[in-house]
Amino acid sequence: MAQTDHPGGGTDTLDRELQELLNREQVEEGDHERFAHYAPKNAIMESALTGKPVRALCGKLWVPGRDPEKFPVCPTCKEIYDKLNS
C-alpha cells in the first residue's frame, strides 16, 4: 500500500536517497584525481548517462568526468590490464 497522506515520496524516495548517499560515501578520494583508470567501456558509458560510479581494474570507485588523456595511466590498472591481455 502506497503512502498518500504525507507530502513527499514515501519509502521509495527514502530508499533512493539512502542509496545515493551510500554511493557518494563509497567514492574514494585521492589517487583517482591523479590517474586515468581502466574500466569496462560499457560501465564508463553507463556512468556518462547516469552518473553512477565505475569500478576501475585497480578497485577504485569513481565517476569518470575528466579527459583521461590529460593524466598518466594508473600503474595498478595498467599492470592488471597487461596481465589480462598476455
PDB file of N, CA and C in Angstrom:
ATOM      1  N   MET A   1       0.847  -1.172   0.000  1.00  0.00           N
ATOM      2  CA  MET A   1       0.000   0.000   0.000  1.00  0.00           C
ATOM      3  C   MET A   1       0.892   1.234   0.000  1.00  0.00           C
ATOM      4  N   ALA A   2       0.674   2.160  -0.889  1.00  0.00           N
ATOM      5  CA  ALA A   2       1.481   3.370  -1.007  1.00  0.00           C
ATOM      6  C   ALA A   2       1.014   4.404  -0.003  1.00  0.00           C
ATOM      7  N   GLN A   3       1.958   5.176   0.519  1.00  0.00           N
ATOM      8  CA  GLN A   3       1.603   6.263   1.425  1.00  0.00           C
ATOM      9  C   GLN A   3       1.120   7.438   0.603  1.00  0.00           C
ATOM     10  N   THR A   4      -0.068   7.936   0.925  1.00  0.00           N
ATOM     11  CA  THR A   4      -0.603   9.064   0.168  1.00  0.00           C
ATOM     12  C   THR A   4      -0.961  10.237   1.045  1.00  0.00           C
ATOM     13  N   ASP A   5      -0.976  10.059   2.406  1.00  0.00           N
ATOM     14  CA  ASP A   5      -1.387  11.165   3.257  1.00  0.00           C
ATOM     15  C   ASP A   5      -0.222  12.009   3.754  1.00  0.00           C
ATOM     16  N   HIS A   6       0.998  11.746   3.277  1.00  0.00           N
ATOM     17  CA  HIS A   6       2.153  12.538   3.654  1.00  0.00           C
ATOM     18  C   HIS A   6       2.743  13.178   2.407  1.00  0.00           C
ATOM     19  N   PRO A   7       3.118  14.470   2.519  1.00  0.00           N
ATOM     20  CA  PRO A   7       3.823  15.053   1.374  1.00  0.00           C
ATOM     21  C   PRO A   7       5.186  14.393   1.243  1.00  0.00           C
ATOM     22  N   GLY A   8       5.677  14.249   0.067  1.00  0.00           N
ATOM     23  CA  GLY A   8       6.965  13.603  -0.153  1.00  0.00           C
ATOM     24  C   GLY A   8       6.766  12.290  -0.865  1.00  0.00           C
ATOM     25  N   GLY A   9       7.831  11.542  -0.972  1.00  0.00           N
ATOM     26  CA  GLY A   9       7.786  10.357  -1.806  1.00  0.00           C
ATOM     27  C   GLY A   9       7.654   9.036  -1.090  1.00  0.00           C
ATOM     28  N   GLY A  10       7.485   9.017   0.222  1.00  0.00           N
ATOM     29  CA  GLY A  10       7.345   7.751   0.913  1.00  0.00           C
ATOM     30  C   GLY A  10       8.662   6.993   0.986  1.00  0.00           C
ATOM     31  N   THR A  11       8.569   5.684   1.198  1.00  0.00           N
ATOM     32  CA  THR A  11       9.779   4.882   1.389  1.00  0.00           C
ATOM     33  C   THR A  11      10.609   4.756   0.122  1.00  0.00           C
ATOM     34  N   ASP A  12       9.972   4.797  -1.046  1.00  0.00           N
ATOM     35  CA  ASP A  12      10.753   4.720  -2.286  1.00  0.00           C
ATOM     36  C   ASP A  12      11.740   5.869  -2.380  1.00  0.00           C
ATOM     37  N   THR A  13      11.306   7.076  -2.018  1.00  0.00           N
ATOM     38  CA  THR A  13      12.180   8.241  -2.054  1.00  0.00           C
ATOM     39  C   THR A  13      13.295   8.096  -1.032  1.00  0.00           C
ATOM     40  N   LEU A  14      12.959   7.625   0.171  1.00  0.00           N
ATOM     41  CA  LEU A  14      13.982   7.432   1.202  1.00  0.00           C
ATOM     42  C   LEU A  14      15.000   6.394   0.772  1.00  0.00           C
ATOM     43  N   ASP A  15      14.549   5.297   0.184  1.00  0.00           N
ATOM     44  CA  ASP A  15      15.467   4.260  -0.296  1.00  0.00           C
ATOM     45  C   ASP A  15      16.406   4.807  -1.348  1.00  0.00           C
ATOM     46  N   ARG A  16      15.867   5.583  -2.280  1.00  0.00           N
ATOM     47  CA  ARG A  16      16.687   6.152  -3.360  1.00  0.00           C
ATOM     48  C   ARG A  16      17.704   7.144  -2.783  1.00  0.00           C
ATOM     49  N   GLU A  17      17.270   7.999  -1.847  1.00  0.00           N
ATOM     50  CA  GLU A  17      18.178   8.967  -1.242  1.00  0.00           C
ATOM     51  C   GLU A  17      19.274   8.275  -0.429  1.00  0.00           C
ATOM     52  N   LEU A  18      18.921   7.202   0.284  1.00  0.00           N
ATOM     53  CA  LEU A  18      19.906   6.450   1.043  1.00  0.00           C
ATOM     54  C   LEU A  18      20.931   5.809   0.106  1.00  0.00           C
ATOM     55  N   GLN A  19      20.479   5.231  -1.001  1.00  0.00           N
ATOM     56  CA  GLN A  19      21.395   4.602  -1.949  1.00  0.00           C
ATOM     57  C   GLN A  19      22.327   5.643  -2.563  1.00  0.00           C
ATOM     58  N   GLU A  20      21.825   6.842  -2.880  1.00  0.00           N
ATOM     59  CA  GLU A  20      22.671   7.893  -3.427  1.00  0.00           C
ATOM     60  C   GLU A  20      23.718   8.323  -2.404  1.00  0.00           C
ATOM     61  N   LEU A  21      23.326   8.408  -1.137  1.00  0.00           N
ATOM     62  CA  LEU A  21      24.263   8.770  -0.076  1.00  0.00           C
ATOM     63  C   LEU A  21      25.349   7.703   0.055  1.00  0.00           C
ATOM     64  N   LEU A  22      24.955   6.435   0.046  1.00  0.00           N
ATOM     65  CA  LEU A  22      25.932   5.350   0.142  1.00  0.00           C
ATOM     66  C   LEU A  22      26.889   5.381  -1.038  1.00  0.00           C
ATOM     67  N   ASN A  23      26.382   5.633  -2.242  1.00  0.00           N
ATOM     68  CA  ASN A  23      27.240   5.704  -3.429  1.00  0.00           C
ATOM     69  C   ASN A  23      28.258   6.825  -3.295  1.00  0.00           C
ATOM     70  N   ARG A  24      27.834   7.985  -2.780  1.00  0.00           N
ATOM     71  CA  ARG A  24      28.760   9.105  -2.618  1.00  0.00           C
ATOM     72  C   ARG A  24      29.823   8.774  -1.587  1.00  0.00           C
ATOM     73  N   GLU A  25      29.466   8.082  -0.509  1.00  0.00           N
ATOM     74  CA  GLU A  25      30.421   7.759   0.535  1.00  0.00           C
ATOM     75  C   GLU A  25      31.427   6.710   0.086  1.00  0.00           C
ATOM     76  N   GLN A  26      31.082   5.866  -0.883  1.00  0.00           N
ATOM     77  CA  GLN A  26      31.977   4.823  -1.337  1.00  0.00           C
ATOM     78  C   GLN A  26      33.025   5.342  -2.313  1.00  0.00           C
ATOM     79  N   VAL A  27      32.797   6.495  -2.904  1.00  0.00           N
ATOM     80  CA  VAL A  27      33.759   7.051  -3.847  1.00  0.00           C
ATOM     81  C   VAL A  27      34.977   7.497  -3.059  1.00  0.00           C
ATOM     82  N   GLU A  28      36.121   6.912  -3.386  1.00  0.00           N
ATOM     83  CA  GLU A  28      37.335   7.197  -2.650  1.00  0.00           C
ATOM     84  C   GLU A  28      37.984   8.469  -3.165  1.00  0.00           C
ATOM     85  N   GLU A  29      38.511   9.248  -2.250  1.00  0.00           N
ATOM     86  CA  GLU A  29      39.239  10.459  -2.607  1.00  0.00           C
ATOM     87  C   GLU A  29      40.708  10.102  -2.785  1.00  0.00           C
ATOM     88  N   GLY A  30      41.444  10.889  -3.516  1.00  0.00           N
ATOM     89  CA  GLY A  30      42.885  10.679  -3.594  1.00  0.00           C
ATOM     90  C   GLY A  30      43.392  10.364  -4.966  1.00  0.00           C
ATOM     91  N   ASP A  31      43.929   9.150  -5.120  1.00  0.00           N
ATOM     92  CA  ASP A  31      44.650   8.784  -6.332  1.00  0.00           C
ATOM     93  C   ASP A  31      43.830   8.927  -7.601  1.00  0.00           C
ATOM     94  N   HIS A  32      42.534   8.684  -7.534  1.00  0.00           N
ATOM     95  CA  HIS A  32      41.748   8.762  -8.762  1.00  0.00           C
ATOM     96  C   HIS A  32      41.776  10.164  -9.356  1.00  0.00           C
ATOM     97  N   GLU A  33      42.158  11.138  -8.562  1.00  0.00           N
ATOM     98  CA  GLU A  33      42.282  12.504  -9.071  1.00  0.00           C
ATOM     99  C   GLU A  33      43.564  12.680  -9.874  1.00  0.00           C
ATOM    100  N   ARG A  34      44.532  11.783  -9.677  1.00  0.00           N
ATOM    101  CA  ARG A  34      45.843  11.938 -10.309  1.00  0.00           C
ATOM    102  C   ARG A  34      46.071  11.018 -11.490  1.00  0.00           C
ATOM    103  N   PHE A  35      45.222  10.000 -11.637  1.00  0.00           N
ATOM    104  CA  PHE A  35      45.442   8.992 -12.669  1.00  0.00           C
ATOM    105  C   PHE A  35      44.218   8.794 -13.548  1.00  0.00           C
ATOM    106  N   ALA A  36      44.478   8.325 -14.762  1.00  0.00           N
ATOM    107  CA  ALA A  36      43.423   7.819 -15.641  1.00  0.00           C
ATOM    108  C   ALA A  36      43.340   6.317 -15.369  1.00  0.00           C
ATOM    109  N   HIS A  37      42.135   5.811 -15.146  1.00  0.00           N
ATOM    110  CA  HIS A  37      41.958   4.405 -14.789  1.00  0.00           C
ATOM    111  C   HIS A  37      41.347   3.614 -15.932  1.00  0.00           C
ATOM    112  N   TYR A  38      41.595   2.303 -15.908  1.00  0.00           N
ATOM    113  CA  TYR A  38      40.978   1.390 -16.866  1.00  0.00           C
ATOM    114  C   TYR A  38      39.713   0.808 -16.248  1.00  0.00           C
ATOM    115  N   ALA A  39      38.653   0.790 -17.041  1.00  0.00           N
ATOM    116  CA  ALA A  39      37.373   0.202 -16.636  1.00  0.00           C
ATOM    117  C   ALA A  39      36.662  -0.252 -17.903  1.00  0.00           C
ATOM    118  N   PRO A  40      35.696  -1.157 -17.773  1.00  0.00           N
ATOM    119  CA  PRO A  40      34.952  -1.596 -18.961  1.00  0.00           C
ATOM    120  C   PRO A  40      34.261  -0.425 -19.659  1.00  0.00           C
ATOM    121  N   LYS A  41      34.352  -0.408 -20.993  1.00  0.00           N
ATOM    122  CA  LYS A  41      33.757   0.690 -21.760  1.00  0.00           C
ATOM    123  C   LYS A  41      32.270   0.846 -21.491  1.00  0.00           C
ATOM    124  N   ASN A  42      31.558  -0.283 -21.384  1.00  0.00           N
ATOM    125  CA  ASN A  42      30.117  -0.183 -21.160  1.00  0.00           C
ATOM    126  C   ASN A  42      29.814   0.450 -19.798  1.00  0.00           C
ATOM    127  N   ALA A  43      30.655   0.205 -18.793  1.00  0.00           N
ATOM    128  CA  ALA A  43      30.457   0.823 -17.483  1.00  0.00           C
ATOM    129  C   ALA A  43      30.714   2.325 -17.551  1.00  0.00           C
ATOM    130  N   ILE A  44      31.707   2.721 -18.327  1.00  0.00           N
ATOM    131  CA  ILE A  44      32.006   4.147 -18.476  1.00  0.00           C
ATOM    132  C   ILE A  44      30.867   4.850 -19.216  1.00  0.00           C
ATOM    133  N   MET A  45      30.329   4.196 -20.244  1.00  0.00           N
ATOM    134  CA  MET A  45      29.199   4.780 -20.986  1.00  0.00           C
ATOM    135  C   MET A  45      27.978   4.913 -20.074  1.00  0.00           C
ATOM    136  N   GLU A  46      27.703   3.882 -19.282  1.00  0.00           N
ATOM    137  CA  GLU A  46      26.572   3.940 -18.353  1.00  0.00           C
ATOM    138  C   GLU A  46      26.761   5.075 -17.349  1.00  0.00           C
ATOM    139  N   SER A  47      27.982   5.231 -16.867  1.00  0.00           N
ATOM    140  CA  SER A  47      28.271   6.297 -15.919  1.00  0.00           C
ATOM    141  C   SER A  47      28.042   7.674 -16.536  1.00  0.00           C
ATOM    142  N   ALA A  48      28.410   7.814 -17.810  1.00  0.00           N
ATOM    143  CA  ALA A  48      28.207   9.088 -18.504  1.00  0.00           C
ATOM    144  C   ALA A  48      26.722   9.439 -18.579  1.00  0.00           C
ATOM    145  N   LEU A  49      25.884   8.416 -18.703  1.00  0.00           N
ATOM    146  CA  LEU A  49      24.444   8.642 -18.809  1.00  0.00           C
ATOM    147  C   LEU A  49      23.758   8.792 -17.454  1.00  0.00           C
ATOM    148  N   THR A  50      24.245   8.061 -16.444  1.00  0.00           N
ATOM    149  CA  THR A  50      23.539   8.010 -15.164  1.00  0.00           C
ATOM    150  C   THR A  50      24.257   8.698 -14.014  1.00  0.00           C
ATOM    151  N   GLY A  51      25.566   8.901 -14.152  1.00  0.00           N
ATOM    152  CA  GLY A  51      26.346   9.453 -13.049  1.00  0.00           C
ATOM    153  C   GLY A  51      26.731   8.404 -12.019  1.00  0.00           C
ATOM    154  N   LYS A  52      26.442   7.135 -12.324  1.00  0.00           N
ATOM    155  CA  LYS A  52      26.750   6.033 -11.420  1.00  0.00           C
ATOM    156  C   LYS A  52      28.259   5.803 -11.388  1.00  0.00           C
ATOM    157  N   PRO A  53      28.847   5.615 -10.202  1.00  0.00           N
ATOM    158  CA  PRO A  53      30.291   5.365 -10.118  1.00  0.00           C
ATOM    159  C   PRO A  53      30.696   4.088 -10.846  1.00  0.00           C
ATOM    160  N   VAL A  54      31.959   4.050 -11.283  1.00  0.00           N
ATOM    161  CA  VAL A  54      32.539   2.932 -12.023  1.00  0.00           C
ATOM    162  C   VAL A  54      33.652   2.331 -11.175  1.00  0.00           C
ATOM    163  N   ARG A  55      33.799   1.004 -11.212  1.00  0.00           N
ATOM    164  CA  ARG A  55      34.887   0.326 -10.517  1.00  0.00           C
ATOM    165  C   ARG A  55      36.005   0.086 -11.523  1.00  0.00           C
ATOM    166  N   ALA A  56      37.158   0.688 -11.280  1.00  0.00           N
ATOM    167  CA  ALA A  56      38.326   0.505 -12.147  1.00  0.00           C
ATOM    168  C   ALA A  56      38.961  -0.855 -11.881  1.00  0.00           C
ATOM    169  N   LEU A  57      39.844  -1.277 -12.767  1.00  0.00           N
ATOM    170  CA  LEU A  57      40.547  -2.547 -12.578  1.00  0.00           C
ATOM    171  C   LEU A  57      41.309  -2.592 -11.262  1.00  0.00           C
ATOM    172  N   CYS A  58      41.811  -1.455 -10.825  1.00  0.00           N
ATOM    173  CA  CYS A  58      42.582  -1.391  -9.577  1.00  0.00           C
ATOM    174  C   CYS A  58      41.693  -1.404  -8.340  1.00  0.00           C
ATOM    175  N   GLY A  59      40.382  -1.278  -8.540  1.00  0.00           N
ATOM    176  CA  GLY A  59      39.460  -1.295  -7.413  1.00  0.00           C
ATOM    177  C   GLY A  59      38.911   0.066  -7.038  1.00  0.00           C
ATOM    178  N   LYS A  60      39.461   1.115  -7.588  1.00  0.00           N
ATOM    179  CA  LYS A  60      38.962   2.450  -7.278  1.00  0.00           C
ATOM    180  C   LYS A  60      37.541   2.601  -7.790  1.00  0.00           C
ATOM    181  N   LEU A  61      36.721   3.271  -6.997  1.00  0.00           N
ATOM    182  CA  LEU A  61      35.354   3.580  -7.381  1.00  0.00           C
ATOM    183  C   LEU A  61      35.303   5.082  -7.608  1.00  0.00           C
ATOM    184  N   TRP A  62      34.923   5.477  -8.829  1.00  0.00           N
ATOM    185  CA  TRP A  62      34.907   6.898  -9.159  1.00  0.00           C
ATOM    186  C   TRP A  62      33.912   7.158 -10.267  1.00  0.00           C
ATOM    187  N   VAL A  63      33.581   8.439 -10.424  1.00  0.00           N
ATOM    188  CA  VAL A  63      32.696   8.850 -11.506  1.00  0.00           C
ATOM    189  C   VAL A  63      33.570   9.524 -12.562  1.00  0.00           C
ATOM    190  N   PRO A  64      33.742   8.884 -13.729  1.00  0.00           N
ATOM    191  CA  PRO A  64      34.558   9.498 -14.785  1.00  0.00           C
ATOM    192  C   PRO A  64      33.981  10.840 -15.202  1.00  0.00           C
ATOM    193  N   GLY A  65      34.856  11.806 -15.381  1.00  0.00           N
ATOM    194  CA  GLY A  65      34.358  13.105 -15.782  1.00  0.00           C
ATOM    195  C   GLY A  65      35.436  13.996 -16.359  1.00  0.00           C
ATOM    196  N   ARG A  66      36.646  13.526 -16.346  1.00  0.00           N
ATOM    197  CA  ARG A  66      37.760  14.321 -16.863  1.00  0.00           C
ATOM    198  C   ARG A  66      38.354  13.626 -18.077  1.00  0.00           C
ATOM    199  N   ASP A  67      39.051  14.377 -18.885  1.00  0.00           N
ATOM    200  CA  ASP A  67      39.708  13.836 -20.067  1.00  0.00           C
ATOM    201  C   ASP A  67      40.868  12.941 -19.629  1.00  0.00           C
ATOM    202  N   PRO A  68      40.766  11.622 -19.849  1.00  0.00           N
ATOM    203  CA  PRO A  68      41.824  10.724 -19.386  1.00  0.00           C
ATOM    204  C   PRO A  68      43.163  10.947 -20.073  1.00  0.00           C
ATOM    205  N   GLU A  69      43.158  11.597 -21.227  1.00  0.00           N
ATOM    206  CA  GLU A  69      44.406  11.859 -21.943  1.00  0.00           C
ATOM    207  C   GLU A  69      45.296  12.850 -21.191  1.00  0.00           C
ATOM    208  N   LYS A  70      44.724  13.593 -20.243  1.00  0.00           N
ATOM    209  CA  LYS A  70      45.484  14.607 -19.511  1.00  0.00           C
ATOM    210  C   LYS A  70      46.173  14.045 -18.271  1.00  0.00           C
ATOM    211  N   PHE A  71      46.000  12.755 -17.994  1.00  0.00           N
ATOM    212  CA  PHE A  71      46.543  12.154 -16.781  1.00  0.00           C
ATOM    213  C   PHE A  71      47.343  10.904 -17.115  1.00  0.00           C
ATOM    214  N   PRO A  72      48.343  10.578 -16.291  1.00  0.00           N
ATOM    215  CA  PRO A  72      49.066   9.325 -16.500  1.00  0.00           C
ATOM    216  C   PRO A  72      48.158   8.144 -16.138  1.00  0.00           C
ATOM    217  N   VAL A  73      48.406   7.004 -16.769  1.00  0.00           N
ATOM    218  CA  VAL A  73      47.606   5.806 -16.502  1.00  0.00           C
ATOM    219  C   VAL A  73      47.958   5.279 -15.114  1.00  0.00           C
ATOM    220  N   CYS A  74      46.949   4.881 -14.392  1.00  0.00           N
ATOM    221  CA  CYS A  74      47.131   4.271 -13.072  1.00  0.00           C
ATOM    222  C   CYS A  74      48.038   3.050 -13.222  1.00  0.00           C
ATOM    223  N   PRO A  75      49.157   2.989 -12.496  1.00  0.00           N
ATOM    224  CA  PRO A  75      50.074   1.862 -12.654  1.00  0.00           C
ATOM    225  C   PRO A  75      49.434   0.517 -12.284  1.00  0.00           C
ATOM    226  N   THR A  76      48.569   0.500 -11.303  1.00  0.00           N
ATOM    227  CA  THR A  76      47.920  -0.751 -10.911  1.00  0.00           C
ATOM    228  C   THR A  76      46.960  -1.214 -11.992  1.00  0.00           C
ATOM    229  N   CYS A  77      46.162  -0.297 -12.548  1.00  0.00           N
ATOM    230  CA  CYS A  77      45.262  -0.650 -13.654  1.00  0.00           C
ATOM    231  C   CYS A  77      46.054  -1.195 -14.833  1.00  0.00           C
ATOM    232  N   LYS A  78      47.157  -0.516 -15.172  1.00  0.00           N
ATOM    233  CA  LYS A  78      47.970  -0.943 -16.321  1.00  0.00           C
ATOM    234  C   LYS A  78      48.541  -2.338 -16.093  1.00  0.00           C
ATOM    235  N   GLU A  79      49.038  -2.601 -14.889  1.00  0.00           N
ATOM    236  CA  GLU A  79      49.600  -3.914 -14.571  1.00  0.00           C
ATOM    237  C   GLU A  79      48.536  -5.014 -14.713  1.00  0.00           C
ATOM    238  N   ILE A  80      47.351  -4.766 -14.178  1.00  0.00           N
ATOM    239  CA  ILE A  80      46.273  -5.753 -14.269  1.00  0.00           C
ATOM    240  C   ILE A  80      45.842  -5.951 -15.719  1.00  0.00           C
ATOM    241  N   TYR A  81      45.724  -4.852 -16.459  1.00  0.00           N
ATOM    242  CA  TYR A  81      45.330  -4.921 -17.868  1.00  0.00           C
ATOM    243  C   TYR A  81      46.346  -5.740 -18.675  1.00  0.00           C
ATOM    244  N   ASP A  82      47.619  -5.459 -18.432  1.00  0.00           N
ATOM    245  CA  ASP A  82      48.667  -6.186 -19.157  1.00  0.00           C
ATOM    246  C   ASP A  82      48.636  -7.678 -18.849  1.00  0.00           C
ATOM    247  N   LYS A  83      48.387  -8.039 -17.604  1.00  0.00           N
ATOM    248  CA  LYS A  83      48.299  -9.455 -17.220  1.00  0.00           C
ATOM    249  C   LYS A  83      47.093 -10.122 -17.886  1.00  0.00           C
ATOM    250  N   LEU A  84      45.992  -9.388 -17.970  1.00  0.00           N
ATOM    251  CA  LEU A  84      44.788  -9.947 -18.601  1.00  0.00           C
ATOM    252  C   LEU A  84      44.976 -10.180 -20.098  1.00  0.00           C
ATOM    253  N   ASN A  85      45.800  -9.351 -20.727  1.00  0.00           N
ATOM    254  CA  ASN A  85      45.996  -9.435 -22.176  1.00  0.00           C
ATOM    255  C   ASN A  85      47.243 -10.207 -22.592  1.00  0.00           C
ATOM    256  N   SER A  86      47.911 -10.843 -21.632  1.00  0.00           N
ATOM    257  CA  SER A  86      49.115 -11.602 -22.006  1.00  0.00           C
ATOM    258  C   SER A  86      48.816 -13.083 -22.108  1.00  0.00           C
TER     259      SER A  86
END
